[in-house]
Amino acid sequence: EVVAQRKDGSTFPCVLGLSKCRKSGMICGFIRDLSAVMASKAVIMEKNNQLIKKEAELKSKDTKTKEIMSNLIRNQSVVTGVLDASFHSLFVIDENCIIQM
């Protein structure tokens, strides 16, 4: 990769290739502008970074979801245990699993 200069003075990244013709001995040059390739790479890198960030957010949410589900199952077990052990009592269990008479 090299940096080339346009007629207007602006520069751009490119690949430069040289080849010598066997019969005439002339040298031919080939140049490929990499501006679009570099711009595409930048977009891909940005999208990749966004995906990495989103993946981390989802893993964090997944951990929180598992924690909430675990708490709900535990709370359900407590309520089920209390109900199974009770004899038709009337009571209320609040959101902290505390029995209120």
N, C-alpha and C. Protein backbone atom coordinates (compact mmCIF):
# COMPACT_ATOMS: atom_id res chain seq x y z
N GLU A 1 0.84 -1.19 0.00
CA GLU A 1 0.00 0.00 0.00
C GLU A 1 0.87 1.24 0.00
N VAL A 2 0.49 2.18 -0.80
CA VAL A 2 1.18 3.48 -0.86
C VAL A 2 0.13 4.57 -0.93
N VAL A 3 0.58 5.78 -0.75
CA VAL A 3 -0.31 6.94 -0.88
C VAL A 3 0.04 7.62 -2.20
N ALA A 4 -0.98 7.83 -3.02
CA ALA A 4 -0.80 8.49 -4.30
C ALA A 4 -1.46 9.86 -4.26
N GLN A 5 -1.10 10.69 -5.26
CA GLN A 5 -1.65 12.04 -5.31
C GLN A 5 -2.37 12.25 -6.64
N ARG A 6 -3.58 12.79 -6.53
CA ARG A 6 -4.37 13.09 -7.73
C ARG A 6 -3.90 14.41 -8.34
N LYS A 7 -4.39 14.69 -9.53
CA LYS A 7 -4.04 15.94 -10.20
C LYS A 7 -4.44 17.16 -9.38
N ASP A 8 -5.57 17.02 -8.64
CA ASP A 8 -6.05 18.15 -7.84
C ASP A 8 -5.27 18.32 -6.52
N GLY A 9 -4.31 17.44 -6.28
CA GLY A 9 -3.49 17.54 -5.07
C GLY A 9 -3.95 16.67 -3.91
N SER A 10 -5.16 16.14 -4.00
CA SER A 10 -5.64 15.28 -2.92
C SER A 10 -4.92 13.93 -2.97
N THR A 11 -4.81 13.29 -1.83
CA THR A 11 -4.12 12.00 -1.76
C THR A 11 -5.12 10.88 -1.49
N PHE A 12 -4.71 9.67 -1.82
CA PHE A 12 -5.56 8.50 -1.61
C PHE A 12 -4.69 7.26 -1.43
N PRO A 13 -5.19 6.29 -0.67
CA PRO A 13 -4.45 5.04 -0.51
C PRO A 13 -4.61 4.19 -1.77
N CYS A 14 -3.55 3.50 -2.14
CA CYS A 14 -3.64 2.67 -3.33
C CYS A 14 -2.63 1.52 -3.27
N VAL A 15 -2.81 0.61 -4.20
CA VAL A 15 -1.85 -0.47 -4.43
C VAL A 15 -1.23 -0.18 -5.78
N LEU A 16 0.08 -0.26 -5.82
CA LEU A 16 0.81 0.03 -7.04
C LEU A 16 1.48 -1.24 -7.51
N GLY A 17 1.32 -1.56 -8.78
CA GLY A 17 1.96 -2.74 -9.34
C GLY A 17 2.75 -2.36 -10.57
N LEU A 18 3.89 -2.97 -10.73
CA LEU A 18 4.73 -2.72 -11.90
C LEU A 18 5.01 -4.04 -12.60
N SER A 19 5.05 -3.98 -13.93
CA SER A 19 5.33 -5.18 -14.72
C SER A 19 6.16 -4.78 -15.93
N LYS A 20 7.14 -5.61 -16.25
CA LYS A 20 8.00 -5.33 -17.40
C LYS A 20 7.59 -6.23 -18.55
N CYS A 21 7.37 -5.62 -19.70
CA CYS A 21 7.05 -6.40 -20.91
C CYS A 21 8.33 -7.07 -21.40
N ARG A 22 8.24 -8.36 -21.69
CA ARG A 22 9.42 -9.11 -22.10
C ARG A 22 9.99 -8.66 -23.45
N LYS A 23 9.10 -8.47 -24.41
CA LYS A 23 9.57 -8.15 -25.77
C LYS A 23 10.10 -6.73 -25.88
N SER A 24 9.31 -5.76 -25.39
CA SER A 24 9.70 -4.37 -25.60
C SER A 24 10.57 -3.83 -24.47
N GLY A 25 10.53 -4.47 -23.33
CA GLY A 25 11.31 -3.97 -22.19
C GLY A 25 10.63 -2.79 -21.50
N MET A 26 9.45 -2.43 -21.98
CA MET A 26 8.74 -1.31 -21.36
C MET A 26 8.19 -1.76 -20.01
N ILE A 27 8.04 -0.82 -19.13
CA ILE A 27 7.47 -1.08 -17.80
C ILE A 27 6.07 -0.50 -17.77
N CYS A 28 5.12 -1.33 -17.35
CA CYS A 28 3.73 -0.89 -17.21
C CYS A 28 3.43 -0.77 -15.73
N GLY A 29 2.73 0.27 -15.39
CA GLY A 29 2.32 0.47 -14.00
C GLY A 29 0.81 0.32 -13.86
N PHE A 30 0.42 -0.28 -12.75
CA PHE A 30 -1.00 -0.46 -12.45
C PHE A 30 -1.25 0.17 -11.09
N ILE A 31 -2.33 0.89 -10.99
CA ILE A 31 -2.67 1.51 -9.72
C ILE A 31 -4.13 1.20 -9.40
N ARG A 32 -4.36 0.85 -8.14
CA ARG A 32 -5.73 0.55 -7.70
C ARG A 32 -6.04 1.44 -6.51
N ASP A 33 -7.05 2.28 -6.67
CA ASP A 33 -7.48 3.18 -5.60
C ASP A 33 -8.16 2.36 -4.51
N LEU A 34 -7.68 2.48 -3.28
CA LEU A 34 -8.23 1.73 -2.15
C LEU A 34 -9.17 2.57 -1.27
N SER A 35 -9.52 3.76 -1.72
CA SER A 35 -10.38 4.64 -0.91
C SER A 35 -11.68 3.95 -0.52
N ALA A 36 -12.34 3.34 -1.50
CA ALA A 36 -13.62 2.67 -1.22
C ALA A 36 -13.41 1.46 -0.31
N VAL A 37 -12.31 0.73 -0.54
CA VAL A 37 -12.01 -0.44 0.29
C VAL A 37 -11.78 -0.01 1.73
N MET A 38 -10.99 1.05 1.91
CA MET A 38 -10.70 1.55 3.26
C MET A 38 -11.97 2.06 3.94
N ALA A 39 -12.83 2.74 3.18
CA ALA A 39 -14.09 3.22 3.74
C ALA A 39 -14.97 2.04 4.16
N SER A 40 -15.01 1.01 3.32
CA SER A 40 -15.79 -0.19 3.66
C SER A 40 -15.23 -0.87 4.91
N LYS A 41 -13.90 -0.95 4.99
CA LYS A 41 -13.28 -1.55 6.18
C LYS A 41 -13.64 -0.77 7.43
N ALA A 42 -13.65 0.56 7.32
CA ALA A 42 -14.00 1.40 8.47
C ALA A 42 -15.45 1.14 8.91
N VAL A 43 -16.35 1.02 7.95
CA VAL A 43 -17.75 0.73 8.26
C VAL A 43 -17.88 -0.64 8.91
N ILE A 44 -17.17 -1.62 8.36
CA ILE A 44 -17.22 -2.97 8.92
C ILE A 44 -16.68 -2.97 10.34
N MET A 45 -15.58 -2.27 10.59
CA MET A 45 -15.01 -2.20 11.94
C MET A 45 -15.99 -1.55 12.91
N GLU A 46 -16.65 -0.48 12.47
CA GLU A 46 -17.64 0.20 13.32
C GLU A 46 -18.80 -0.73 13.63
N LYS A 47 -19.30 -1.42 12.60
CA LYS A 47 -20.41 -2.36 12.81
C LYS A 47 -19.98 -3.50 13.74
N ASN A 48 -18.75 -3.97 13.59
CA ASN A 48 -18.23 -5.02 14.45
C ASN A 48 -18.17 -4.54 15.90
N ASN A 49 -17.69 -3.32 16.10
CA ASN A 49 -17.64 -2.75 17.45
C ASN A 49 -19.04 -2.62 18.05
N GLN A 50 -20.01 -2.22 17.23
CA GLN A 50 -21.39 -2.12 17.69
C GLN A 50 -21.92 -3.50 18.09
N LEU A 51 -21.59 -4.53 17.30
CA LEU A 51 -22.04 -5.89 17.62
C LEU A 51 -21.41 -6.39 18.92
N ILE A 52 -20.13 -6.09 19.12
CA ILE A 52 -19.46 -6.49 20.35
C ILE A 52 -20.12 -5.82 21.55
N LYS A 53 -20.43 -4.53 21.41
CA LYS A 53 -21.09 -3.79 22.49
C LYS A 53 -22.48 -4.37 22.76
N LYS A 54 -23.23 -4.65 21.69
CA LYS A 54 -24.58 -5.20 21.83
C LYS A 54 -24.53 -6.58 22.48
N GLU A 55 -23.54 -7.39 22.09
CA GLU A 55 -23.39 -8.72 22.67
C GLU A 55 -23.15 -8.61 24.18
N ALA A 56 -22.30 -7.66 24.58
CA ALA A 56 -22.02 -7.47 26.00
C ALA A 56 -23.29 -7.04 26.74
N GLU A 57 -24.08 -6.15 26.12
CA GLU A 57 -25.34 -5.71 26.73
C GLU A 57 -26.29 -6.89 26.89
N LEU A 58 -26.38 -7.72 25.86
CA LEU A 58 -27.29 -8.87 25.91
C LEU A 58 -26.84 -9.88 26.96
N LYS A 59 -25.53 -10.09 27.07
CA LYS A 59 -25.03 -11.01 28.10
C LYS A 59 -25.36 -10.47 29.48
N SER A 60 -25.22 -9.15 29.64
CA SER A 60 -25.55 -8.52 30.92
C SER A 60 -27.04 -8.70 31.21
N LYS A 61 -27.88 -8.45 30.21
CA LYS A 61 -29.32 -8.62 30.39
C LYS A 61 -29.66 -10.08 30.66
N ASP A 62 -28.96 -10.98 29.97
CA ASP A 62 -29.21 -12.41 30.15
C ASP A 62 -28.90 -12.81 31.59
N THR A 63 -27.80 -12.29 32.14
CA THR A 63 -27.45 -12.58 33.53
C THR A 63 -28.51 -12.04 34.46
N LYS A 64 -28.98 -10.81 34.20
CA LYS A 64 -30.02 -10.21 35.03
C LYS A 64 -31.32 -11.01 34.92
N THR A 65 -31.64 -11.45 33.71
CA THR A 65 -32.86 -12.24 33.51
C THR A 65 -32.78 -13.55 34.27
N LYS A 66 -31.64 -14.22 34.22
CA LYS A 66 -31.47 -15.47 34.96
C LYS A 66 -31.62 -15.24 36.45
N GLU A 67 -31.08 -14.12 36.92
CA GLU A 67 -31.17 -13.79 38.35
C GLU A 67 -32.63 -13.54 38.75
N ILE A 68 -33.36 -12.81 37.92
CA ILE A 68 -34.78 -12.53 38.20
C ILE A 68 -35.58 -13.82 38.19
N MET A 69 -35.32 -14.68 37.18
CA MET A 69 -36.05 -15.95 37.11
C MET A 69 -35.75 -16.82 38.32
N SER A 70 -34.50 -16.83 38.75
CA SER A 70 -34.12 -17.61 39.92
C SER A 70 -34.86 -17.11 41.16
N ASN A 71 -34.95 -15.79 41.31
CA ASN A 71 -35.69 -15.20 42.43
C ASN A 71 -37.17 -15.55 42.36
N LEU A 72 -37.73 -15.49 41.17
CA LEU A 72 -39.16 -15.83 41.02
C LEU A 72 -39.42 -17.29 41.38
N ILE A 73 -38.55 -18.17 40.93
CA ILE A 73 -38.72 -19.60 41.25
C ILE A 73 -38.58 -19.81 42.75
N ARG A 74 -37.60 -19.15 43.36
CA ARG A 74 -37.42 -19.26 44.81
C ARG A 74 -38.65 -18.76 45.54
N ASN A 75 -39.16 -17.60 45.12
CA ASN A 75 -40.36 -17.03 45.75
C ASN A 75 -41.56 -17.94 45.57
N GLN A 76 -41.68 -18.54 44.39
CA GLN A 76 -42.79 -19.45 44.14
C GLN A 76 -42.68 -20.66 45.05
N SER A 77 -41.47 -21.14 45.26
CA SER A 77 -41.26 -22.29 46.15
C SER A 77 -41.68 -21.95 47.57
N VAL A 78 -41.34 -20.74 48.00
CA VAL A 78 -41.72 -20.31 49.36
C VAL A 78 -43.24 -20.27 49.48
N VAL A 79 -43.89 -19.65 48.51
CA VAL A 79 -45.35 -19.52 48.54
C VAL A 79 -45.99 -20.90 48.51
N THR A 80 -45.51 -21.77 47.63
CA THR A 80 -46.06 -23.12 47.53
C THR A 80 -45.88 -23.88 48.85
N GLY A 81 -44.70 -23.74 49.47
CA GLY A 81 -44.44 -24.40 50.74
C GLY A 81 -45.36 -23.90 51.83
N VAL A 82 -45.58 -22.60 51.89
CA VAL A 82 -46.47 -22.02 52.90
C VAL A 82 -47.90 -22.50 52.68
N LEU A 83 -48.34 -22.48 51.42
CA LEU A 83 -49.70 -22.91 51.12
C LEU A 83 -49.90 -24.40 51.41
N ASP A 84 -48.90 -25.19 51.09
CA ASP A 84 -49.01 -26.63 51.36
C ASP A 84 -49.05 -26.91 52.87
N ALA A 85 -48.38 -26.08 53.66
CA ALA A 85 -48.31 -26.31 55.11
C ALA A 85 -49.48 -25.68 55.86
N SER A 86 -50.26 -24.86 55.21
CA SER A 86 -51.33 -24.15 55.91
C SER A 86 -52.64 -24.94 55.91
N PHE A 87 -53.49 -24.60 56.86
CA PHE A 87 -54.80 -25.23 56.97
C PHE A 87 -55.88 -24.19 56.71
N HIS A 88 -56.11 -23.87 55.49
CA HIS A 88 -57.15 -22.94 55.08
C HIS A 88 -57.08 -21.61 55.83
N SER A 89 -55.90 -21.16 56.11
CA SER A 89 -55.75 -19.86 56.77
C SER A 89 -55.90 -18.76 55.73
N LEU A 90 -56.29 -17.60 56.17
CA LEU A 90 -56.37 -16.43 55.30
C LEU A 90 -55.20 -15.52 55.63
N PHE A 91 -54.39 -15.30 54.65
CA PHE A 91 -53.25 -14.41 54.84
C PHE A 91 -52.83 -13.88 53.47
N VAL A 92 -51.95 -12.89 53.50
CA VAL A 92 -51.42 -12.28 52.29
C VAL A 92 -49.90 -12.37 52.36
N ILE A 93 -49.30 -12.70 51.24
CA ILE A 93 -47.84 -12.70 51.17
C ILE A 93 -47.44 -11.51 50.29
N ASP A 94 -46.64 -10.60 50.85
CA ASP A 94 -46.26 -9.41 50.09
C ASP A 94 -45.12 -9.73 49.12
N GLU A 95 -44.65 -8.71 48.35
CA GLU A 95 -43.64 -8.93 47.32
C GLU A 95 -42.30 -9.36 47.89
N ASN A 96 -42.10 -9.21 49.20
CA ASN A 96 -40.86 -9.65 49.84
C ASN A 96 -41.03 -11.04 50.47
N CYS A 97 -42.12 -11.70 50.12
CA CYS A 97 -42.45 -13.04 50.65
C CYS A 97 -42.64 -13.02 52.16
N ILE A 98 -43.16 -11.94 52.68
CA ILE A 98 -43.47 -11.84 54.10
C ILE A 98 -44.99 -12.04 54.26
N ILE A 99 -45.35 -12.93 55.20
CA ILE A 99 -46.75 -13.23 55.41
C ILE A 99 -47.38 -12.12 56.25
N GLN A 100 -48.47 -11.56 55.73
CA GLN A 100 -49.21 -10.53 56.44
C GLN A 100 -50.56 -11.12 56.86
N MET A 101 -50.89 -11.01 58.13
CA MET A 101 -52.17 -11.54 58.62
C MET A 101 -53.26 -10.51 58.49
